[in-house]
Amino acid sequence: MKVEAPFTPEQVESLNGWQNAGIFHPFTCGSEECRADLIATEEGWTCPDCDYTQNWAHDFMADGSWKEDKKAVEGSGFCYQPPPDADEH
C-alpha cells in the first residue's frame, strides 16, 4: 500500500531513515538528468539537486516496519542489501 503526502514528522523520520540505511535501494529523482537520492519532507519527497517532487511512499517505509522486520519489504520489489560488515559478526 502507499501513503501520500503530507507526511507526519514520524513518517518523515522513517522515510529518511530508509533512504540513509544503506541496505535498501533508495528512492531517486525521476529526472533522467539527475537521479539524486530524494529527501522526505512533510510536503513530500524532494530532490536536492532539481525541482523534482514525489507525493507518495510505500507504507512499510513510512511506518518504520522496515526497521524491525525485513520481511515487511518482501514482495515490494525492493532488494535488501546486507551492510558490508554483516558477515564479520
C-alpha atoms as a PDB file:
ATOM      1  CA  MET A   1       0.000   0.000   0.000  1.00  0.00           C
ATOM      2  CA  LYS A   2       1.005   3.597  -0.461  1.00  0.00           C
ATOM      3  CA  VAL A   3       0.797   6.636   1.780  1.00  0.00           C
ATOM      4  CA  GLU A   4       0.564  10.117   0.326  1.00  0.00           C
ATOM      5  CA  ALA A   5       1.893  13.467   1.458  1.00  0.00           C
ATOM      6  CA  PRO A   6       1.547  15.364   3.592  1.00  0.00           C
ATOM      7  CA  PHE A   7       3.704  13.079   5.739  1.00  0.00           C
ATOM      8  CA  THR A   8       3.765  13.274   9.534  1.00  0.00           C
ATOM      9  CA  PRO A   9       7.038  14.129  11.288  1.00  0.00           C
ATOM     10  CA  GLU A  10       7.302  10.463  12.331  1.00  0.00           C
ATOM     11  CA  GLN A  11       6.852   9.342   8.729  1.00  0.00           C
ATOM     12  CA  VAL A  12       9.494  11.824   7.540  1.00  0.00           C
ATOM     13  CA  GLU A  13      11.932  10.401  10.104  1.00  0.00           C
ATOM     14  CA  SER A  14      11.230   6.825   8.977  1.00  0.00           C
ATOM     15  CA  LEU A  15      11.413   7.691   5.273  1.00  0.00           C
ATOM     16  CA  ASN A  16      14.741   9.465   5.619  1.00  0.00           C
ATOM     17  CA  GLY A  17      15.986   6.575   7.761  1.00  0.00           C
ATOM     18  CA  TRP A  18      15.116   4.238   4.873  1.00  0.00           C
ATOM     19  CA  GLN A  19      16.944   6.496   2.445  1.00  0.00           C
ATOM     20  CA  ASN A  20      20.086   6.570   4.607  1.00  0.00           C
ATOM     21  CA  ALA A  21      20.093   2.981   5.909  1.00  0.00           C
ATOM     22  CA  GLY A  22      22.296   1.738   3.090  1.00  0.00           C
ATOM     23  CA  ILE A  23      20.562  -1.646   2.985  1.00  0.00           C
ATOM     24  CA  PHE A  24      17.784  -0.844   0.509  1.00  0.00           C
ATOM     25  CA  HIS A  25      17.779   0.923  -2.816  1.00  0.00           C
ATOM     26  CA  PRO A  26      16.657   4.488  -2.053  1.00  0.00           C
ATOM     27  CA  PHE A  27      14.003   6.457  -3.881  1.00  0.00           C
ATOM     28  CA  THR A  28      15.772   8.557  -6.507  1.00  0.00           C
ATOM     29  CA  CYS A  29      14.924  11.583  -8.618  1.00  0.00           C
ATOM     30  CA  GLY A  30      12.704  10.791 -11.588  1.00  0.00           C
ATOM     31  CA  SER A  31      14.611  13.170 -13.842  1.00  0.00           C
ATOM     32  CA  GLU A  32      16.862  11.291 -16.259  1.00  0.00           C
ATOM     33  CA  GLU A  33      19.488  14.014 -15.950  1.00  0.00           C
ATOM     34  CA  CYS A  34      19.667  13.928 -12.155  1.00  0.00           C
ATOM     35  CA  ARG A  35      18.910  10.636 -10.323  1.00  0.00           C
ATOM     36  CA  ALA A  36      19.869  12.058  -6.885  1.00  0.00           C
ATOM     37  CA  ASP A  37      18.504  10.407  -3.737  1.00  0.00           C
ATOM     38  CA  LEU A  38      15.239  12.025  -2.649  1.00  0.00           C
ATOM     39  CA  ILE A  39      14.745  13.686   0.742  1.00  0.00           C
ATOM     40  CA  ALA A  40      11.478  13.270   2.644  1.00  0.00           C
ATOM     41  CA  THR A  41       9.745  16.364   3.986  1.00  0.00           C
ATOM     42  CA  GLU A  42       6.274  16.828   5.418  1.00  0.00           C
ATOM     43  CA  GLU A  43       5.214  18.139   1.993  1.00  0.00           C
ATOM     44  CA  GLY A  44       6.524  15.010   0.224  1.00  0.00           C
ATOM     45  CA  TRP A  45       9.745  13.852  -1.400  1.00  0.00           C
ATOM     46  CA  THR A  46      12.051  16.480  -2.885  1.00  0.00           C
ATOM     47  CA  CYS A  47      15.178  16.255  -4.976  1.00  0.00           C
ATOM     48  CA  PRO A  48      18.114  18.206  -3.525  1.00  0.00           C
ATOM     49  CA  ASP A  49      19.508  18.915  -6.995  1.00  0.00           C
ATOM     50  CA  CYS A  50      16.479  19.868  -9.110  1.00  0.00           C
ATOM     51  CA  ASP A  51      12.758  20.655  -8.797  1.00  0.00           C
ATOM     52  CA  TYR A  52      11.514  17.024  -8.946  1.00  0.00           C
ATOM     53  CA  THR A  53       8.968  16.057  -6.277  1.00  0.00           C
ATOM     54  CA  GLN A  54       7.032  12.904  -5.422  1.00  0.00           C
ATOM     55  CA  ASN A  55       3.986  12.711  -3.160  1.00  0.00           C
ATOM     56  CA  TRP A  56       3.859   9.037  -2.117  1.00  0.00           C
ATOM     57  CA  ALA A  57       5.839   6.295  -0.382  1.00  0.00           C
ATOM     58  CA  HIS A  58       5.236   2.656   0.463  1.00  0.00           C
ATOM     59  CA  ASP A  59       3.534   2.183   3.820  1.00  0.00           C
ATOM     60  CA  PHE A  60       6.311  -0.047   5.219  1.00  0.00           C
ATOM     61  CA  MET A  61       8.829   2.713   4.506  1.00  0.00           C
ATOM     62  CA  ALA A  62       6.733   5.329   6.296  1.00  0.00           C
ATOM     63  CA  ASP A  63       5.597   3.330   9.326  1.00  0.00           C
ATOM     64  CA  GLY A  64       9.061   2.114  10.324  1.00  0.00           C
ATOM     65  CA  SER A  65       8.234  -1.585   9.989  1.00  0.00           C
ATOM     66  CA  TRP A  66      11.268  -1.981   7.686  1.00  0.00           C
ATOM     67  CA  LYS A  67      13.489  -1.349  10.740  1.00  0.00           C
ATOM     68  CA  GLU A  68      12.140  -4.290  12.724  1.00  0.00           C
ATOM     69  CA  ASP A  69      11.094  -6.814  10.121  1.00  0.00           C
ATOM     70  CA  LYS A  70      12.914  -7.061   6.800  1.00  0.00           C
ATOM     71  CA  LYS A  71      10.132  -9.445   5.700  1.00  0.00           C
ATOM     72  CA  ALA A  72       7.816  -6.421   5.623  1.00  0.00           C
ATOM     73  CA  VAL A  73       9.692  -5.446   2.470  1.00  0.00           C
ATOM     74  CA  GLU A  74       9.372  -8.821   0.715  1.00  0.00           C
ATOM     75  CA  GLY A  75       7.266  -8.684  -2.415  1.00  0.00           C
ATOM     76  CA  SER A  76       7.721  -4.936  -2.750  1.00  0.00           C
ATOM     77  CA  GLY A  77      10.378  -5.117  -5.440  1.00  0.00           C
ATOM     78  CA  PHE A  78      12.999  -3.571  -3.143  1.00  0.00           C
ATOM     79  CA  CYS A  79      16.176  -5.540  -2.600  1.00  0.00           C
ATOM     80  CA  TYR A  80      17.617  -5.988   0.870  1.00  0.00           C
ATOM     81  CA  GLN A  81      21.356  -5.427   0.750  1.00  0.00           C
ATOM     82  CA  PRO A  82      23.117  -6.511   3.968  1.00  0.00           C
ATOM     83  CA  PRO A  83      25.580  -3.945   5.273  1.00  0.00           C
ATOM     84  CA  PRO A  84      29.172  -4.625   4.134  1.00  0.00           C
ATOM     85  CA  ASP A  85      30.236  -5.752   7.609  1.00  0.00           C
ATOM     86  CA  ALA A  86      27.272  -8.129   8.151  1.00  0.00           C
ATOM     87  CA  ASP A  87      29.397 -11.247   7.527  1.00  0.00           C
ATOM     88  CA  GLU A  88      32.035 -10.166  10.018  1.00  0.00           C
ATOM     89  CA  HIS A  89      29.806 -10.652  13.098  1.00  0.00           C
END
